[in-house]
Amino acid sequence: MQAERSVYGRAFRVTPLWLWGLQRASGLLLGPLVAVHLFIPGMAGQGWLNALLLAVVLAHGYSGVRRLVAAGAKARLYAALALGWCLMVGILGAMVVGASI
């Protein structure tokens, strides 16, 4: 159940704590994972690292798209866009990970 608030006459939905935490945690993990992927020779071809990086990118992208809009009327639309984005990036990422295994 989403809590709704009104600030300055505009209604919006409050971001759930789990979604806020997911956005922050995945953002913190992205930097070191990308650095390992780029700067350590041979790591870019490791399937487990690519799968982990894909999972973190999906989590960060999903939480980011879900948090783009705070308006209650558009929240369902952005939730659907977030799932569509995850599906598209997940399929393409799985192809990349599959090629590196």
PDB file of N, CA and C in Angstrom:
ATOM      1  N   MET A   1       0.839  -1.185   0.000  1.00  0.00           N
ATOM      2  CA  MET A   1       0.000   0.000   0.000  1.00  0.00           C
ATOM      3  C   MET A   1       0.882   1.246   0.000  1.00  0.00           C
ATOM      4  N   GLN A   2       0.651   2.120  -0.931  1.00  0.00           N
ATOM      5  CA  GLN A   2       1.434   3.334  -1.065  1.00  0.00           C
ATOM      6  C   GLN A   2       0.806   4.458  -0.255  1.00  0.00           C
ATOM      7  N   ALA A   3       1.649   5.179   0.464  1.00  0.00           N
ATOM      8  CA  ALA A   3       1.178   6.363   1.171  1.00  0.00           C
ATOM      9  C   ALA A   3       1.158   7.532   0.197  1.00  0.00           C
ATOM     10  N   GLU A   4       0.127   8.350   0.294  1.00  0.00           N
ATOM     11  CA  GLU A   4       0.039   9.518  -0.563  1.00  0.00           C
ATOM     12  C   GLU A   4       0.095  10.768   0.301  1.00  0.00           C
ATOM     13  N   ARG A   5       0.749  11.786  -0.244  1.00  0.00           N
ATOM     14  CA  ARG A   5       0.889  13.044   0.466  1.00  0.00           C
ATOM     15  C   ARG A   5       0.552  14.178  -0.485  1.00  0.00           C
ATOM     16  N   SER A   6       0.323  15.330   0.079  1.00  0.00           N
ATOM     17  CA  SER A   6       0.080  16.513  -0.720  1.00  0.00           C
ATOM     18  C   SER A   6       0.997  17.626  -0.213  1.00  0.00           C
ATOM     19  N   VAL A   7       1.804  18.162  -1.106  1.00  0.00           N
ATOM     20  CA  VAL A   7       2.717  19.246  -0.764  1.00  0.00           C
ATOM     21  C   VAL A   7       2.513  20.355  -1.782  1.00  0.00           C
ATOM     22  N   TYR A   8       2.289  21.557  -1.304  1.00  0.00           N
ATOM     23  CA  TYR A   8       2.033  22.707  -2.172  1.00  0.00           C
ATOM     24  C   TYR A   8       0.911  22.419  -3.159  1.00  0.00           C
ATOM     25  N   GLY A   9      -0.084  21.683  -2.722  1.00  0.00           N
ATOM     26  CA  GLY A   9      -1.242  21.400  -3.550  1.00  0.00           C
ATOM     27  C   GLY A   9      -1.057  20.294  -4.570  1.00  0.00           C
ATOM     28  N   ARG A  10       0.115  19.653  -4.594  1.00  0.00           N
ATOM     29  CA  ARG A  10       0.364  18.572  -5.548  1.00  0.00           C
ATOM     30  C   ARG A  10       0.378  17.247  -4.809  1.00  0.00           C
ATOM     31  N   ALA A  11      -0.403  16.299  -5.309  1.00  0.00           N
ATOM     32  CA  ALA A  11      -0.444  14.969  -4.698  1.00  0.00           C
ATOM     33  C   ALA A  11       0.686  14.121  -5.254  1.00  0.00           C
ATOM     34  N   PHE A  12       1.322  13.346  -4.398  1.00  0.00           N
ATOM     35  CA  PHE A  12       2.369  12.436  -4.849  1.00  0.00           C
ATOM     36  C   PHE A  12       2.399  11.228  -3.943  1.00  0.00           C
ATOM     37  N   ARG A  13       3.029  10.170  -4.425  1.00  0.00           N
ATOM     38  CA  ARG A  13       3.188   8.953  -3.646  1.00  0.00           C
ATOM     39  C   ARG A  13       4.560   8.965  -3.002  1.00  0.00           C
ATOM     40  N   VAL A  14       4.612   8.533  -1.775  1.00  0.00           N
ATOM     41  CA  VAL A  14       5.866   8.464  -1.048  1.00  0.00           C
ATOM     42  C   VAL A  14       6.644   7.238  -1.529  1.00  0.00           C
ATOM     43  N   THR A  15       7.938   7.411  -1.780  1.00  0.00           N
ATOM     44  CA  THR A  15       8.785   6.302  -2.220  1.00  0.00           C
ATOM     45  C   THR A  15       8.920   5.297  -1.087  1.00  0.00           C
ATOM     46  N   PRO A  16       8.621   4.024  -1.342  1.00  0.00           N
ATOM     47  CA  PRO A  16       8.790   3.011  -0.297  1.00  0.00           C
ATOM     48  C   PRO A  16      10.255   2.912   0.137  1.00  0.00           C
ATOM     49  N   LEU A  17      10.473   2.578   1.375  1.00  0.00           N
ATOM     50  CA  LEU A  17      11.817   2.499   1.929  1.00  0.00           C
ATOM     51  C   LEU A  17      12.664   1.463   1.198  1.00  0.00           C
ATOM     52  N   TRP A  18      12.073   0.326   0.820  1.00  0.00           N
ATOM     53  CA  TRP A  18      12.848  -0.708   0.123  1.00  0.00           C
ATOM     54  C   TRP A  18      13.338  -0.216  -1.232  1.00  0.00           C
ATOM     55  N   LEU A  19      12.518   0.593  -1.916  1.00  0.00           N
ATOM     56  CA  LEU A  19      12.895   1.109  -3.221  1.00  0.00           C
ATOM     57  C   LEU A  19      13.990   2.163  -3.081  1.00  0.00           C
ATOM     58  N   TRP A  20      13.875   3.008  -2.071  1.00  0.00           N
ATOM     59  CA  TRP A  20      14.898   4.008  -1.802  1.00  0.00           C
ATOM     60  C   TRP A  20      16.224   3.324  -1.465  1.00  0.00           C
ATOM     61  N   GLY A  21      16.169   2.295  -0.627  1.00  0.00           N
ATOM     62  CA  GLY A  21      17.379   1.558  -0.249  1.00  0.00           C
ATOM     63  C   GLY A  21      18.005   0.837  -1.433  1.00  0.00           C
ATOM     64  N   LEU A  22      17.176   0.255  -2.289  1.00  0.00           N
ATOM     65  CA  LEU A  22      17.674  -0.430  -3.483  1.00  0.00           C
ATOM     66  C   LEU A  22      18.403   0.545  -4.398  1.00  0.00           C
ATOM     67  N   GLN A  23      17.853   1.738  -4.575  1.00  0.00           N
ATOM     68  CA  GLN A  23      18.482   2.755  -5.424  1.00  0.00           C
ATOM     69  C   GLN A  23      19.854   3.130  -4.867  1.00  0.00           C
ATOM     70  N   ARG A  24      19.939   3.345  -3.560  1.00  0.00           N
ATOM     71  CA  ARG A  24      21.212   3.749  -2.955  1.00  0.00           C
ATOM     72  C   ARG A  24      22.237   2.620  -2.980  1.00  0.00           C
ATOM     73  N   ALA A  25      21.832   1.422  -2.615  1.00  0.00           N
ATOM     74  CA  ALA A  25      22.765   0.288  -2.563  1.00  0.00           C
ATOM     75  C   ALA A  25      23.297  -0.062  -3.950  1.00  0.00           C
ATOM     76  N   SER A  26      22.413  -0.104  -4.934  1.00  0.00           N
ATOM     77  CA  SER A  26      22.862  -0.440  -6.284  1.00  0.00           C
ATOM     78  C   SER A  26      23.761   0.656  -6.850  1.00  0.00           C
ATOM     79  N   GLY A  27      23.486   1.893  -6.511  1.00  0.00           N
ATOM     80  CA  GLY A  27      24.342   2.991  -6.954  1.00  0.00           C
ATOM     81  C   GLY A  27      25.740   2.894  -6.369  1.00  0.00           C
ATOM     82  N   LEU A  28      25.829   2.495  -5.109  1.00  0.00           N
ATOM     83  CA  LEU A  28      27.139   2.332  -4.473  1.00  0.00           C
ATOM     84  C   LEU A  28      27.920   1.159  -5.054  1.00  0.00           C
ATOM     85  N   LEU A  29      27.227   0.119  -5.465  1.00  0.00           N
ATOM     86  CA  LEU A  29      27.895  -1.054  -6.026  1.00  0.00           C
ATOM     87  C   LEU A  29      28.339  -0.860  -7.475  1.00  0.00           C
ATOM     88  N   LEU A  30      27.656  -0.004  -8.194  1.00  0.00           N
ATOM     89  CA  LEU A  30      27.972   0.160  -9.619  1.00  0.00           C
ATOM     90  C   LEU A  30      29.394   0.641  -9.869  1.00  0.00           C
ATOM     91  N   GLY A  31      29.845   1.612  -9.120  1.00  0.00           N
ATOM     92  CA  GLY A  31      31.181   2.170  -9.339  1.00  0.00           C
ATOM     93  C   GLY A  31      32.295   1.131  -9.235  1.00  0.00           C
ATOM     94  N   PRO A  32      32.407   0.417  -8.107  1.00  0.00           N
ATOM     95  CA  PRO A  32      33.471  -0.586  -7.998  1.00  0.00           C
ATOM     96  C   PRO A  32      33.342  -1.725  -9.012  1.00  0.00           C
ATOM     97  N   LEU A  33      32.118  -2.154  -9.306  1.00  0.00           N
ATOM     98  CA  LEU A  33      31.945  -3.239 -10.266  1.00  0.00           C
ATOM     99  C   LEU A  33      32.363  -2.818 -11.672  1.00  0.00           C
ATOM    100  N   VAL A  34      32.019  -1.608 -12.067  1.00  0.00           N
ATOM    101  CA  VAL A  34      32.421  -1.120 -13.385  1.00  0.00           C
ATOM    102  C   VAL A  34      33.939  -0.945 -13.431  1.00  0.00           C
ATOM    103  N   ALA A  35      34.536  -0.453 -12.343  1.00  0.00           N
ATOM    104  CA  ALA A  35      35.995  -0.285 -12.304  1.00  0.00           C
ATOM    105  C   ALA A  35      36.700  -1.628 -12.455  1.00  0.00           C
ATOM    106  N   VAL A  36      36.220  -2.656 -11.750  1.00  0.00           N
ATOM    107  CA  VAL A  36      36.809  -3.986 -11.886  1.00  0.00           C
ATOM    108  C   VAL A  36      36.642  -4.491 -13.312  1.00  0.00           C
ATOM    109  N   HIS A  37      35.467  -4.297 -13.855  1.00  0.00           N
ATOM    110  CA  HIS A  37      35.162  -4.745 -15.218  1.00  0.00           C
ATOM    111  C   HIS A  37      36.089  -4.084 -16.250  1.00  0.00           C
ATOM    112  N   LEU A  38      36.381  -2.810 -16.045  1.00  0.00           N
ATOM    113  CA  LEU A  38      37.166  -2.067 -17.026  1.00  0.00           C
ATOM    114  C   LEU A  38      38.675  -2.165 -16.834  1.00  0.00           C
ATOM    115  N   PHE A  39      39.140  -2.124 -15.596  1.00  0.00           N
ATOM    116  CA  PHE A  39      40.565  -1.907 -15.362  1.00  0.00           C
ATOM    117  C   PHE A  39      41.370  -3.148 -14.981  1.00  0.00           C
ATOM    118  N   ILE A  40      40.729  -4.260 -14.717  1.00  0.00           N
ATOM    119  CA  ILE A  40      41.474  -5.481 -14.411  1.00  0.00           C
ATOM    120  C   ILE A  40      41.428  -6.379 -15.652  1.00  0.00           C
ATOM    121  N   PRO A  41      42.589  -6.606 -16.250  1.00  0.00           N
ATOM    122  CA  PRO A  41      42.617  -7.399 -17.487  1.00  0.00           C
ATOM    123  C   PRO A  41      41.990  -8.788 -17.297  1.00  0.00           C
ATOM    124  N   GLY A  42      41.178  -9.159 -18.236  1.00  0.00           N
ATOM    125  CA  GLY A  42      40.562 -10.476 -18.225  1.00  0.00           C
ATOM    126  C   GLY A  42      39.253 -10.571 -17.461  1.00  0.00           C
ATOM    127  N   MET A  43      38.951  -9.579 -16.640  1.00  0.00           N
ATOM    128  CA  MET A  43      37.716  -9.665 -15.841  1.00  0.00           C
ATOM    129  C   MET A  43      36.462  -9.415 -16.680  1.00  0.00           C
ATOM    130  N   ALA A  44      36.594  -8.670 -17.756  1.00  0.00           N
ATOM    131  CA  ALA A  44      35.422  -8.387 -18.589  1.00  0.00           C
ATOM    132  C   ALA A  44      34.860  -9.646 -19.229  1.00  0.00           C
ATOM    133  N   GLY A  45      35.675 -10.685 -19.334  1.00  0.00           N
ATOM    134  CA  GLY A  45      35.219 -11.940 -19.922  1.00  0.00           C
ATOM    135  C   GLY A  45      34.688 -12.935 -18.916  1.00  0.00           C
ATOM    136  N   GLN A  46      34.681 -12.568 -17.642  1.00  0.00           N
ATOM    137  CA  GLN A  46      34.189 -13.462 -16.594  1.00  0.00           C
ATOM    138  C   GLN A  46      32.662 -13.414 -16.537  1.00  0.00           C
ATOM    139  N   GLY A  47      32.038 -14.542 -16.743  1.00  0.00           N
ATOM    140  CA  GLY A  47      30.577 -14.606 -16.758  1.00  0.00           C
ATOM    141  C   GLY A  47      29.937 -14.212 -15.447  1.00  0.00           C
ATOM    142  N   TRP A  48      30.532 -14.611 -14.322  1.00  0.00           N
ATOM    143  CA  TRP A  48      29.943 -14.291 -13.013  1.00  0.00           C
ATOM    144  C   TRP A  48      29.969 -12.791 -12.755  1.00  0.00           C
ATOM    145  N   LEU A  49      31.051 -12.101 -13.177  1.00  0.00           N
ATOM    146  CA  LEU A  49      31.123 -10.651 -12.989  1.00  0.00           C
ATOM    147  C   LEU A  49      30.110  -9.950 -13.883  1.00  0.00           C
ATOM    148  N   ASN A  50      29.982 -10.410 -15.111  1.00  0.00           N
ATOM    149  CA  ASN A  50      28.996  -9.818 -16.016  1.00  0.00           C
ATOM    150  C   ASN A  50      27.578 -10.033 -15.514  1.00  0.00           C
ATOM    151  N   ALA A  51      27.297 -11.213 -14.955  1.00  0.00           N
ATOM    152  CA  ALA A  51      25.961 -11.480 -14.407  1.00  0.00           C
ATOM    153  C   ALA A  51      25.684 -10.595 -13.196  1.00  0.00           C
ATOM    154  N   LEU A  52      26.678 -10.434 -12.328  1.00  0.00           N
ATOM    155  CA  LEU A  52      26.515  -9.567 -11.158  1.00  0.00           C
ATOM    156  C   LEU A  52      26.321  -8.118 -11.583  1.00  0.00           C
ATOM    157  N   LEU A  53      27.102  -7.673 -12.529  1.00  0.00           N
ATOM    158  CA  LEU A  53      26.968  -6.307 -13.037  1.00  0.00           C
ATOM    159  C   LEU A  53      25.602  -6.099 -13.681  1.00  0.00           C
ATOM    160  N   LEU A  54      25.123  -7.077 -14.424  1.00  0.00           N
ATOM    161  CA  LEU A  54      23.795  -6.983 -15.030  1.00  0.00           C
ATOM    162  C   LEU A  54      22.709  -6.886 -13.958  1.00  0.00           C
ATOM    163  N   ALA A  55      22.818  -7.692 -12.912  1.00  0.00           N
ATOM    164  CA  ALA A  55      21.822  -7.653 -11.833  1.00  0.00           C
ATOM    165  C   ALA A  55      21.807  -6.292 -11.140  1.00  0.00           C
ATOM    166  N   VAL A  56      22.973  -5.721 -10.901  1.00  0.00           N
ATOM    167  CA  VAL A  56      23.039  -4.409 -10.250  1.00  0.00           C
ATOM    168  C   VAL A  56      22.512  -3.314 -11.173  1.00  0.00           C
ATOM    169  N   VAL A  57      22.827  -3.389 -12.459  1.00  0.00           N
ATOM    170  CA  VAL A  57      22.309  -2.407 -13.416  1.00  0.00           C
ATOM    171  C   VAL A  57      20.786  -2.497 -13.493  1.00  0.00           C
ATOM    172  N   LEU A  58      20.249  -3.720 -13.514  1.00  0.00           N
ATOM    173  CA  LEU A  58      18.794  -3.880 -13.547  1.00  0.00           C
ATOM    174  C   LEU A  58      18.146  -3.315 -12.287  1.00  0.00           C
ATOM    175  N   ALA A  59      18.720  -3.591 -11.136  1.00  0.00           N
ATOM    176  CA  ALA A  59      18.165  -3.078  -9.882  1.00  0.00           C
ATOM    177  C   ALA A  59      18.212  -1.558  -9.854  1.00  0.00           C
ATOM    178  N   HIS A  60      19.334  -0.985 -10.278  1.00  0.00           N
ATOM    179  CA  HIS A  60      19.479   0.467 -10.255  1.00  0.00           C
ATOM    180  C   HIS A  60      18.541   1.129 -11.264  1.00  0.00           C
ATOM    181  N   GLY A  61      18.451   0.563 -12.450  1.00  0.00           N
ATOM    182  CA  GLY A  61      17.567   1.128 -13.471  1.00  0.00           C
ATOM    183  C   GLY A  61      16.104   1.037 -13.089  1.00  0.00           C
ATOM    184  N   TYR A  62      15.711  -0.115 -12.548  1.00  0.00           N
ATOM    185  CA  TYR A  62      14.316  -0.291 -12.134  1.00  0.00           C
ATOM    186  C   TYR A  62      13.937   0.720 -11.060  1.00  0.00           C
ATOM    187  N   SER A  63      14.778   0.828 -10.040  1.00  0.00           N
ATOM    188  CA  SER A  63      14.458   1.749  -8.947  1.00  0.00           C
ATOM    189  C   SER A  63      14.503   3.197  -9.427  1.00  0.00           C
ATOM    190  N   GLY A  64      15.392   3.509 -10.358  1.00  0.00           N
ATOM    191  CA  GLY A  64      15.462   4.868 -10.878  1.00  0.00           C
ATOM    192  C   GLY A  64      14.242   5.248 -11.692  1.00  0.00           C
ATOM    193  N   VAL A  65      13.802   4.359 -12.561  1.00  0.00           N
ATOM    194  CA  VAL A  65      12.624   4.655 -13.387  1.00  0.00           C
ATOM    195  C   VAL A  65      11.377   4.726 -12.512  1.00  0.00           C
ATOM    196  N   ARG A  66      11.281   3.851 -11.516  1.00  0.00           N
ATOM    197  CA  ARG A  66      10.119   3.891 -10.616  1.00  0.00           C
ATOM    198  C   ARG A  66      10.057   5.193  -9.832  1.00  0.00           C
ATOM    199  N   ARG A  67      11.211   5.792  -9.528  1.00  0.00           N
ATOM    200  CA  ARG A  67      11.238   7.010  -8.735  1.00  0.00           C
ATOM    201  C   ARG A  67      11.181   8.276  -9.587  1.00  0.00           C
ATOM    202  N   LEU A  68      11.118   8.147 -10.909  1.00  0.00           N
ATOM    203  CA  LEU A  68      11.113   9.331 -11.770  1.00  0.00           C
ATOM    204  C   LEU A  68       9.930  10.249 -11.514  1.00  0.00           C
ATOM    205  N   VAL A  69       8.806   9.682 -11.302  1.00  0.00           N
ATOM    206  CA  VAL A  69       7.604  10.503 -11.146  1.00  0.00           C
ATOM    207  C   VAL A  69       6.989  10.248  -9.774  1.00  0.00           C
ATOM    208  N   ALA A  70       6.581  11.316  -9.153  1.00  0.00           N
ATOM    209  CA  ALA A  70       5.974  11.186  -7.838  1.00  0.00           C
ATOM    210  C   ALA A  70       4.460  11.368  -7.892  1.00  0.00           C
ATOM    211  N   ALA A  71       3.940  11.765  -9.025  1.00  0.00           N
ATOM    212  CA  ALA A  71       2.504  11.999  -9.138  1.00  0.00           C
ATOM    213  C   ALA A  71       1.746  10.687  -9.037  1.00  0.00           C
ATOM    214  N   GLY A  72       0.725  10.665  -8.209  1.00  0.00           N
ATOM    215  CA  GLY A  72      -0.054   9.456  -8.005  1.00  0.00           C
ATOM    216  C   GLY A  72      -0.713   8.945  -9.268  1.00  0.00           C
ATOM    217  N   ALA A  73      -1.158   9.846 -10.145  1.00  0.00           N
ATOM    218  CA  ALA A  73      -1.866   9.435 -11.355  1.00  0.00           C
ATOM    219  C   ALA A  73      -0.955   8.732 -12.349  1.00  0.00           C
ATOM    220  N   LYS A  74       0.325   9.041 -12.353  1.00  0.00           N
ATOM    221  CA  LYS A  74       1.244   8.457 -13.321  1.00  0.00           C
ATOM    222  C   LYS A  74       2.092   7.345 -12.737  1.00  0.00           C
ATOM    223  N   ALA A  75       1.892   7.002 -11.484  1.00  0.00           N
ATOM    224  CA  ALA A  75       2.738   6.005 -10.828  1.00  0.00           C
ATOM    225  C   ALA A  75       2.623   4.637 -11.496  1.00  0.00           C
ATOM    226  N   ARG A  76       1.432   4.233 -11.882  1.00  0.00           N
ATOM    227  CA  ARG A  76       1.259   2.934 -12.542  1.00  0.00           C
ATOM    228  C   ARG A  76       1.942   2.901 -13.906  1.00  0.00           C
ATOM    229  N   LEU A  77       1.860   3.994 -14.640  1.00  0.00           N
ATOM    230  CA  LEU A  77       2.520   4.075 -15.936  1.00  0.00           C
ATOM    231  C   LEU A  77       4.030   3.907 -15.778  1.00  0.00           C
ATOM    232  N   TYR A  78       4.607   4.589 -14.813  1.00  0.00           N
ATOM    233  CA  TYR A  78       6.049   4.497 -14.623  1.00  0.00           C
ATOM    234  C   TYR A  78       6.467   3.153 -14.056  1.00  0.00           C
ATOM    235  N   ALA A  79       5.609   2.509 -13.289  1.00  0.00           N
ATOM    236  CA  ALA A  79       5.902   1.149 -12.832  1.00  0.00           C
ATOM    237  C   ALA A  79       5.942   0.202 -14.033  1.00  0.00           C
ATOM    238  N   ALA A  80       5.016   0.374 -14.971  1.00  0.00           N
ATOM    239  CA  ALA A  80       5.015  -0.453 -16.181  1.00  0.00           C
ATOM    240  C   ALA A  80       6.234  -0.155 -17.057  1.00  0.00           C
ATOM    241  N   LEU A  81       6.608   1.117 -17.161  1.00  0.00           N
ATOM    242  CA  LEU A  81       7.807   1.474 -17.919  1.00  0.00           C
ATOM    243  C   LEU A  81       9.056   0.877 -17.282  1.00  0.00           C
ATOM    244  N   ALA A  82       9.111   0.873 -15.957  1.00  0.00           N
ATOM    245  CA  ALA A  82      10.259   0.301 -15.256  1.00  0.00           C
ATOM    246  C   ALA A  82      10.371  -1.197 -15.531  1.00  0.00           C
ATOM    247  N   LEU A  83       9.245  -1.895 -15.508  1.00  0.00           N
ATOM    248  CA  LEU A  83       9.268  -3.330 -15.805  1.00  0.00           C
ATOM    249  C   LEU A  83       9.650  -3.594 -17.262  1.00  0.00           C
ATOM    250  N   GLY A  84       9.157  -2.767 -18.177  1.00  0.00           N
ATOM    251  CA  GLY A  84       9.520  -2.909 -19.581  1.00  0.00           C
ATOM    252  C   GLY A  84      11.000  -2.664 -19.805  1.00  0.00           C
ATOM    253  N   TRP A  85      11.538  -1.653 -19.132  1.00  0.00           N
ATOM    254  CA  TRP A  85      12.975  -1.364 -19.231  1.00  0.00           C
ATOM    255  C   TRP A  85      13.787  -2.551 -18.725  1.00  0.00           C
ATOM    256  N   CYS A  86      13.376  -3.101 -17.580  1.00  0.00           N
ATOM    257  CA  CYS A  86      14.084  -4.263 -17.019  1.00  0.00           C
ATOM    258  C   CYS A  86      14.031  -5.454 -17.969  1.00  0.00           C
ATOM    259  N   LEU A  87      12.898  -5.683 -18.572  1.00  0.00           N
ATOM    260  CA  LEU A  87      12.756  -6.787 -19.505  1.00  0.00           C
ATOM    261  C   LEU A  87      13.687  -6.619 -20.708  1.00  0.00           C
ATOM    262  N   MET A  88      13.704  -5.427 -21.286  1.00  0.00           N
ATOM    263  CA  MET A  88      14.539  -5.171 -22.457  1.00  0.00           C
ATOM    264  C   MET A  88      16.033  -5.283 -22.105  1.00  0.00           C
ATOM    265  N   VAL A  89      16.459  -4.622 -21.047  1.00  0.00           N
ATOM    266  CA  VAL A  89      17.867  -4.666 -20.651  1.00  0.00           C
ATOM    267  C   VAL A  89      18.245  -6.066 -20.177  1.00  0.00           C
ATOM    268  N   GLY A  90      17.328  -6.748 -19.509  1.00  0.00           N
ATOM    269  CA  GLY A  90      17.605  -8.113 -19.047  1.00  0.00           C
ATOM    270  C   GLY A  90      17.829  -9.077 -20.187  1.00  0.00           C
ATOM    271  N   ILE A  91      17.025  -8.977 -21.222  1.00  0.00           N
ATOM    272  CA  ILE A  91      17.190  -9.872 -22.385  1.00  0.00           C
ATOM    273  C   ILE A  91      18.512  -9.590 -23.092  1.00  0.00           C
ATOM    274  N   LEU A  92      18.786  -8.312 -23.351  1.00  0.00           N
ATOM    275  CA  LEU A  92      20.041  -7.963 -24.021  1.00  0.00           C
ATOM    276  C   LEU A  92      21.247  -8.304 -23.151  1.00  0.00           C
ATOM    277  N   GLY A  93      21.138  -8.051 -21.851  1.00  0.00           N
ATOM    278  CA  GLY A  93      22.230  -8.372 -20.930  1.00  0.00           C
ATOM    279  C   GLY A  93      22.462  -9.858 -20.805  1.00  0.00           C
ATOM    280  N   ALA A  94      21.392 -10.626 -20.805  1.00  0.00           N
ATOM    281  CA  ALA A  94      21.532 -12.085 -20.732  1.00  0.00           C
ATOM    282  C   ALA A  94      22.254 -12.625 -21.973  1.00  0.00           C
ATOM    283  N   MET A  95      22.031 -11.980 -23.114  1.00  0.00           N
ATOM    284  CA  MET A  95      22.740 -12.385 -24.321  1.00  0.00           C
ATOM    285  C   MET A  95      24.239 -12.106 -24.186  1.00  0.00           C
ATOM    286  N   VAL A  96      24.584 -10.965 -23.593  1.00  0.00           N
ATOM    287  CA  VAL A  96      25.996 -10.626 -23.388  1.00  0.00           C
ATOM    288  C   VAL A  96      26.635 -11.580 -22.377  1.00  0.00           C
ATOM    289  N   VAL A  97      25.927 -11.817 -21.272  1.00  0.00           N
ATOM    290  CA  VAL A  97      26.445 -12.723 -20.244  1.00  0.00           C
ATOM    291  C   VAL A  97      26.590 -14.126 -20.824  1.00  0.00           C
ATOM    292  N   GLY A  98      25.609 -14.574 -21.587  1.00  0.00           N
ATOM    293  CA  GLY A  98      25.670 -15.892 -22.211  1.00  0.00           C
ATOM    294  C   GLY A  98      26.853 -16.028 -23.153  1.00  0.00           C
ATOM    295  N   ALA A  99      27.198 -14.962 -23.831  1.00  0.00           N
ATOM    296  CA  ALA A  99      28.337 -15.002 -24.754  1.00  0.00           C
ATOM    297  C   ALA A  99      29.665 -15.041 -24.010  1.00  0.00           C
ATOM    298  N   SER A 100      29.685 -14.564 -22.762  1.00  0.00           N
ATOM    299  CA  SER A 100      30.943 -14.533 -22.014  1.00  0.00           C
ATOM    300  C   SER A 100      31.166 -15.796 -21.188  1.00  0.00           C
ATOM    301  N   ILE A 101      30.163 -16.658 -21.120  1.00  0.00           N
ATOM    302  CA  ILE A 101      30.316 -17.895 -20.325  1.00  0.00           C
ATOM    303  C   ILE A 101      30.955 -18.989 -21.162  1.00  0.00           C
TER     304      ILE A 101
END
